[in-house]
Structure formats: structure tokens, C-alpha cells
Amino acid sequence: MLTQGVHSYAFPGFTKKEVQSLMARDRHYYKDKGLSDKFLEKAFHTAADDMWYPTIAELIKNNVITHQVKSGKLISAKKRF
């Protein structure tokens, strides 16, 4: 069962502009790593006091998960789909 979730940023003491700048920098980084615009849009538009729990399929499709451990063996997550 997946229990990790994602949401936008909130840093006490930072201005809204500073937080948006950090999110833009990180969004670019994640985009370069293969995460889709749709995935990033959902992640960065989920309120900081809320949580979005992407499905295993969404994580695999977006290269967040590349491998899984099954019965003590490391296997490619792409083989599931």
C-alpha cells in the first residue's frame, strides 16, 4: 500500500514570490527527469495543507518509481504495465 503523497510548498517566513520561485525551479528539475506536465500540475496545485496520493501506475509512468522489490528481488516496475 502506498502512503506517500505530494503537495505544493509552504515555508513559514518565505514570501509567496520566494515559494513560487522554488516550486518553478523544482518543477523544471522534475520535468527534466521525465515527470509529465499533467503529473506536475496536479502535484504543484495540491494545496500545502492537503495531500495527493498518486497511484502506483502514475508513479511508474512518470519515472518516480523505476524498480520494485518482490520476494527479495529487485525488478523493473515497467514490467508490471
Protein backbone atom coordinates (compact mmCIF):
# COMPACT_ATOMS: atom_id res chain seq x y z
CA MET A 1 0.00 0.00 0.00
CA LEU A 2 1.33 3.41 -0.98
CA THR A 3 1.26 6.00 1.75
CA GLN A 4 3.46 8.73 0.24
CA GLY A 5 1.73 11.80 -1.06
CA VAL A 6 2.66 15.10 -2.65
CA HIS A 7 1.51 18.70 -2.37
CA SER A 8 2.65 22.24 -3.10
CA TYR A 9 5.15 24.05 -0.93
CA ALA A 10 4.68 26.19 2.17
CA PHE A 11 7.63 27.66 4.04
CA PRO A 12 6.91 29.88 7.05
CA GLY A 13 8.76 33.16 6.69
CA PHE A 14 9.08 32.92 2.88
CA THR A 15 7.16 35.31 0.65
CA LYS A 16 4.69 33.95 -1.88
CA LYS A 17 7.13 35.00 -4.63
CA GLU A 18 10.01 33.09 -3.00
CA VAL A 19 7.88 29.94 -2.66
CA GLN A 20 6.74 30.21 -6.29
CA SER A 21 10.35 30.60 -7.40
CA LEU A 22 11.37 27.44 -5.53
CA MET A 23 8.45 25.50 -7.00
CA ALA A 24 9.31 26.70 -10.53
CA ARG A 25 12.92 25.60 -10.08
CA ASP A 26 11.89 22.17 -8.79
CA ARG A 27 9.17 21.74 -11.41
CA HIS A 28 11.81 22.28 -14.12
CA TYR A 29 14.09 19.72 -12.41
CA TYR A 30 11.30 17.11 -12.22
CA LYS A 31 10.27 17.80 -15.82
CA ASP A 32 13.87 17.11 -16.91
CA LYS A 33 13.68 13.79 -15.02
CA GLY A 34 10.67 12.67 -17.06
CA LEU A 35 7.64 13.64 -14.99
CA SER A 36 4.74 14.71 -17.19
CA ASP A 37 3.17 18.17 -17.17
CA LYS A 38 -0.10 16.58 -16.02
CA PHE A 39 1.59 14.90 -13.03
CA LEU A 40 3.47 18.08 -12.07
CA GLU A 41 0.36 20.22 -12.46
CA LYS A 42 -1.52 18.01 -10.03
CA ALA A 43 1.40 17.84 -7.58
CA PHE A 44 2.13 21.57 -7.51
CA HIS A 45 -1.54 22.59 -7.42
CA THR A 46 -2.47 20.41 -4.47
CA ALA A 47 -2.65 22.79 -1.51
CA ALA A 48 0.18 22.60 1.02
CA ASP A 49 -2.31 21.64 3.72
CA ASP A 50 -3.77 18.85 1.55
CA MET A 51 -2.26 15.70 0.04
CA TRP A 52 -2.49 13.98 -3.35
CA TYR A 53 -1.72 10.25 -3.40
CA PRO A 54 -0.73 9.26 -6.94
CA THR A 55 -1.42 5.69 -7.97
CA ILE A 56 1.37 3.17 -8.50
CA ALA A 57 0.63 3.36 -12.25
CA GLU A 58 1.03 7.17 -12.21
CA LEU A 59 4.32 6.89 -10.32
CA ILE A 60 5.68 4.29 -12.74
CA LYS A 61 4.50 6.15 -15.85
CA ASN A 62 6.25 9.30 -14.60
CA ASN A 63 9.52 7.57 -13.64
CA VAL A 64 9.07 8.29 -9.94
CA ILE A 65 9.27 4.54 -9.33
CA THR A 66 11.65 2.63 -11.57
CA HIS A 67 12.02 -0.64 -9.65
CA GLN A 68 10.21 -2.67 -7.02
CA VAL A 69 11.27 -5.36 -4.60
CA LYS A 70 9.27 -8.58 -4.87
CA SER A 71 10.14 -11.67 -2.91
CA GLY A 72 13.51 -10.12 -2.10
CA LYS A 73 14.36 -9.47 -5.76
CA LEU A 74 14.72 -6.11 -7.49
CA ILE A 75 12.57 -5.99 -10.62
CA SER A 76 11.77 -3.29 -13.14
CA ALA A 77 8.49 -1.58 -12.29
CA LYS A 78 7.80 -1.11 -16.03
CA LYS A 79 7.26 -4.87 -16.37
CA ARG A 80 4.02 -4.53 -14.37
CA PHE A 81 2.39 -2.40 -17.03
